[in-house]
N, C-alpha and C. Protein backbone atom coordinates (compact mmCIF):
# COMPACT_ATOMS: atom_id res chain seq x y z
N MET A 1 -16.87 -2.36 14.89
CA MET A 1 -18.05 -1.71 13.71
C MET A 1 -19.22 -2.62 14.11
N GLU A 2 -19.94 -1.94 13.46
CA GLU A 2 -21.43 -2.26 13.74
C GLU A 2 -21.33 -3.47 12.59
N ARG A 3 -22.64 -4.56 12.92
CA ARG A 3 -22.84 -5.23 11.77
C ARG A 3 -23.60 -4.68 10.34
N GLN A 4 -23.32 -4.84 8.90
CA GLN A 4 -23.77 -3.92 8.15
C GLN A 4 -23.97 -4.90 6.89
N PRO A 5 -24.72 -4.89 6.50
CA PRO A 5 -24.86 -5.74 4.85
C PRO A 5 -23.31 -5.27 4.02
N VAL A 6 -23.52 -6.18 3.31
CA VAL A 6 -21.97 -6.31 2.09
C VAL A 6 -21.91 -5.49 1.38
N ARG A 7 -21.30 -4.11 1.34
CA ARG A 7 -21.02 -2.93 0.30
C ARG A 7 -20.05 -3.52 -0.58
N LEU A 8 -20.12 -3.70 -2.06
CA LEU A 8 -19.68 -3.99 -3.22
C LEU A 8 -18.07 -2.74 -2.95
N ASP A 9 -18.56 -1.37 -2.99
CA ASP A 9 -17.59 -0.32 -2.98
C ASP A 9 -16.33 -0.89 -1.77
N ALA A 10 -16.87 -1.73 -1.01
CA ALA A 10 -15.90 -1.49 -0.18
C ALA A 10 -14.71 -2.59 -0.23
N PHE A 11 -15.17 -3.31 -0.93
CA PHE A 11 -13.74 -4.21 -1.86
C PHE A 11 -12.36 -3.10 -2.70
N MET A 12 -12.99 -2.24 -2.92
CA MET A 12 -11.93 -1.54 -3.75
C MET A 12 -11.43 -0.40 -2.64
N GLU A 13 -11.68 -0.37 -1.04
CA GLU A 13 -11.13 0.16 -0.18
C GLU A 13 -10.22 -0.76 0.18
N GLY A 14 -10.10 -1.51 0.90
CA GLY A 14 -9.41 -2.49 0.99
C GLY A 14 -10.07 -3.68 1.93
N ASP A 15 -9.35 -4.23 3.07
CA ASP A 15 -9.58 -5.89 3.07
C ASP A 15 -11.42 -5.61 3.38
N VAL A 16 -11.98 -6.77 3.47
CA VAL A 16 -13.22 -7.13 3.59
C VAL A 16 -12.85 -8.14 4.48
N TYR A 17 -13.96 -8.29 5.80
CA TYR A 17 -14.50 -9.39 6.68
C TYR A 17 -15.90 -9.75 6.52
N ILE A 18 -15.83 -10.71 6.69
CA ILE A 18 -17.83 -10.67 6.05
C ILE A 18 -18.20 -12.12 7.20
N ASP A 19 -19.13 -11.77 7.54
CA ASP A 19 -19.70 -12.87 8.87
C ASP A 19 -20.91 -13.74 8.34
N TYR A 20 -21.08 -15.00 7.98
CA TYR A 20 -22.33 -15.58 7.97
C TYR A 20 -22.73 -16.52 8.49
N PRO A 21 -23.42 -15.93 9.59
CA PRO A 21 -23.82 -16.92 10.74
C PRO A 21 -24.70 -18.06 10.75
N TYR A 22 -25.57 -17.76 9.32
CA TYR A 22 -26.65 -18.53 8.48
C TYR A 22 -25.90 -20.14 8.71
N GLU A 23 -24.34 -20.26 8.32
CA GLU A 23 -23.65 -21.22 7.54
C GLU A 23 -22.50 -21.13 9.04
N ARG A 24 -22.47 -20.86 10.04
CA ARG A 24 -21.06 -21.01 11.04
C ARG A 24 -20.16 -20.43 10.15
N VAL A 25 -19.50 -19.71 9.06
CA VAL A 25 -18.53 -19.10 8.29
C VAL A 25 -18.12 -17.83 8.33
N LYS A 26 -16.53 -17.37 8.23
CA LYS A 26 -16.44 -15.93 7.85
C LYS A 26 -15.80 -16.33 6.95
N PHE A 27 -15.40 -15.08 6.13
CA PHE A 27 -14.68 -15.15 4.90
C PHE A 27 -13.53 -13.75 5.01
N ARG A 28 -13.00 -13.55 4.45
CA ARG A 28 -11.81 -12.07 4.53
C ARG A 28 -11.25 -12.57 2.96
N TYR A 29 -11.79 -10.69 2.52
CA TYR A 29 -11.40 -10.45 1.20
C TYR A 29 -9.68 -9.93 1.18
N GLU A 30 -8.95 -10.64 0.94
CA GLU A 30 -7.42 -9.34 1.07
C GLU A 30 -7.13 -8.96 -0.80
N LYS A 31 -7.10 -7.37 -0.11
CA LYS A 31 -7.18 -6.72 -1.37
C LYS A 31 -6.03 -6.44 -2.02
N GLU A 32 -5.31 -6.68 -1.17
CA GLU A 32 -3.45 -6.41 -1.86
C GLU A 32 -3.30 -7.94 -2.84
N THR A 33 -3.81 -8.87 -2.95
CA THR A 33 -3.56 -10.20 -3.02
C THR A 33 -4.68 -10.69 -4.15
N HIS A 34 -6.12 -10.06 -3.44
CA HIS A 34 -7.36 -10.24 -4.12
C HIS A 34 -7.82 -11.48 -3.95
N THR A 35 -7.22 -11.97 -2.66
CA THR A 35 -7.67 -13.63 -2.13
C THR A 35 -8.98 -13.77 -1.49
N VAL A 36 -9.68 -14.73 -1.67
CA VAL A 36 -10.44 -14.84 -0.09
C VAL A 36 -10.26 -15.84 0.60
N TYR A 37 -10.29 -15.63 1.61
CA TYR A 37 -10.11 -17.16 2.53
C TYR A 37 -11.33 -17.35 3.43
N GLN A 38 -11.79 -18.80 3.52
CA GLN A 38 -13.02 -19.39 4.19
C GLN A 38 -12.52 -19.87 5.76
N ARG A 39 -13.00 -19.21 6.79
CA ARG A 39 -12.80 -19.85 7.68
C ARG A 39 -14.15 -20.17 8.81
N TRP A 40 -14.24 -21.43 9.18
CA TRP A 40 -15.57 -22.15 10.19
C TRP A 40 -15.41 -21.46 11.49
N TYR A 41 -16.65 -21.19 11.76
CA TYR A 41 -16.57 -20.77 13.33
C TYR A 41 -15.55 -21.60 14.12
N SER A 42 -15.22 -21.37 14.98
CA SER A 42 -14.18 -22.09 16.20
C SER A 42 -13.13 -23.11 15.50
N GLU A 43 -12.87 -22.62 14.36
CA GLU A 43 -11.99 -23.03 13.99
C GLU A 43 -10.55 -21.75 13.61
N THR A 44 -8.78 -22.02 13.83
CA THR A 44 -8.29 -20.94 13.72
C THR A 44 -7.64 -21.06 12.32
N HIS A 45 -7.67 -21.91 11.89
CA HIS A 45 -7.08 -21.61 10.39
C HIS A 45 -7.88 -21.23 9.12
N GLU A 46 -7.45 -20.79 8.36
CA GLU A 46 -8.00 -20.40 6.82
C GLU A 46 -7.72 -20.99 6.14
N THR A 47 -8.98 -21.19 5.16
CA THR A 47 -8.65 -22.03 3.72
C THR A 47 -8.83 -21.01 2.16
N PRO A 48 -8.04 -20.69 1.83
CA PRO A 48 -8.01 -19.88 0.55
C PRO A 48 -9.32 -20.61 -0.56
N ILE A 49 -10.02 -19.64 -0.87
CA ILE A 49 -10.83 -20.66 -1.66
C ILE A 49 -11.03 -19.50 -3.30
N ASP A 50 -12.34 -20.21 -4.19
CA ASP A 50 -12.30 -19.58 -4.98
C ASP A 50 -13.23 -18.33 -5.06
N HIS A 51 -13.33 -17.35 -6.16
CA HIS A 51 -14.15 -15.98 -5.59
C HIS A 51 -15.45 -16.45 -6.22
N ASP A 52 -15.57 -17.49 -6.94
CA ASP A 52 -16.88 -18.49 -7.62
C ASP A 52 -17.36 -19.68 -6.81
N SER A 53 -17.02 -19.24 -5.11
CA SER A 53 -17.78 -20.13 -4.01
C SER A 53 -19.12 -19.52 -3.96
N HIS A 54 -20.10 -21.13 -3.95
CA HIS A 54 -21.26 -20.86 -4.07
C HIS A 54 -21.66 -20.26 -2.63
N LEU A 55 -20.85 -20.45 -1.87
CA LEU A 55 -21.38 -20.06 -0.08
C LEU A 55 -20.94 -18.78 0.27
N TYR A 56 -19.48 -18.24 -0.26
CA TYR A 56 -18.82 -17.28 -0.42
C TYR A 56 -19.80 -15.90 -1.00
N ASN A 57 -20.61 -16.62 -2.17
CA ASN A 57 -21.21 -15.71 -2.95
C ASN A 57 -22.94 -15.54 -2.17
N GLU A 58 -23.33 -16.48 -1.11
CA GLU A 58 -24.61 -16.33 -0.66
C GLU A 58 -23.79 -15.54 0.82
N ALA A 59 -23.20 -15.42 0.84
CA ALA A 59 -22.42 -14.57 1.52
C ALA A 59 -22.39 -12.99 1.80
N HIS A 60 -22.35 -12.70 0.23
CA HIS A 60 -22.32 -11.09 -0.29
C HIS A 60 -23.94 -10.57 0.19
N SER A 61 -24.85 -11.93 -0.20
CA SER A 61 -26.43 -11.13 -0.37
C SER A 61 -27.05 -11.16 1.08
N GLY A 62 -26.34 -12.35 2.47
CA GLY A 62 -26.94 -12.74 2.99
C GLY A 62 -26.17 -12.52 4.66
N GLY A 63 -24.94 -12.01 4.18
CA GLY A 63 -23.88 -11.73 5.16
C GLY A 63 -23.92 -10.35 5.45
N PHE A 64 -22.88 -9.92 6.40
CA PHE A 64 -23.22 -9.00 7.40
C PHE A 64 -20.73 -8.80 7.20
N MET A 65 -20.76 -7.46 6.85
CA MET A 65 -19.65 -7.09 7.02
C MET A 65 -18.76 -6.50 8.53
N VAL A 66 -17.92 -6.83 8.92
CA VAL A 66 -17.65 -6.80 10.15
C VAL A 66 -16.32 -6.65 10.57
N SER A 67 -15.82 -6.23 11.65
CA SER A 67 -14.24 -5.84 11.75
C SER A 67 -13.34 -6.87 11.40
N ARG A 68 -12.27 -6.41 11.86
CA ARG A 68 -10.62 -7.67 11.47
C ARG A 68 -11.04 -8.37 13.04
N GLU A 69 -11.13 -7.87 13.88
CA GLU A 69 -11.74 -8.33 15.50
C GLU A 69 -12.67 -9.60 15.30
N ASP A 70 -13.78 -8.66 14.85
CA ASP A 70 -14.70 -9.75 14.72
C ASP A 70 -14.73 -10.90 14.22
N TYR A 71 -13.73 -10.69 12.76
CA TYR A 71 -13.55 -11.94 12.07
C TYR A 71 -12.95 -13.23 12.70
N TYR A 72 -12.19 -12.53 13.58
CA TYR A 72 -10.90 -13.44 14.51
C TYR A 72 -11.84 -13.92 15.82
N ARG A 73 -12.48 -13.65 16.06
CA ARG A 73 -13.60 -13.79 17.50
C ARG A 73 -14.40 -14.80 17.02
N ASP A 74 -14.99 -15.16 17.86
CA ASP A 74 -15.90 -16.49 17.99
C ASP A 74 -17.06 -16.58 19.14
N ASP A 75 -17.86 -15.81 19.02
CA ASP A 75 -18.99 -15.62 20.31
C ASP A 75 -20.02 -16.82 20.37
């Protein structure tokens, strides 16, 4: 999947993966549970975070939607 701006309608369609390279962090929104996870570059574990996280909201406007594979990849 090519990097594209975060689309709000994507959250209604399914899981959403966001890369925010400026802060070297990625986010995953799990539609089934409405949970947001944060994963720092080069770390293997994810941490659930609040939807009102400042960094997560910054990623909405300055990050990119990526594929599931890209979310778990660190280049």
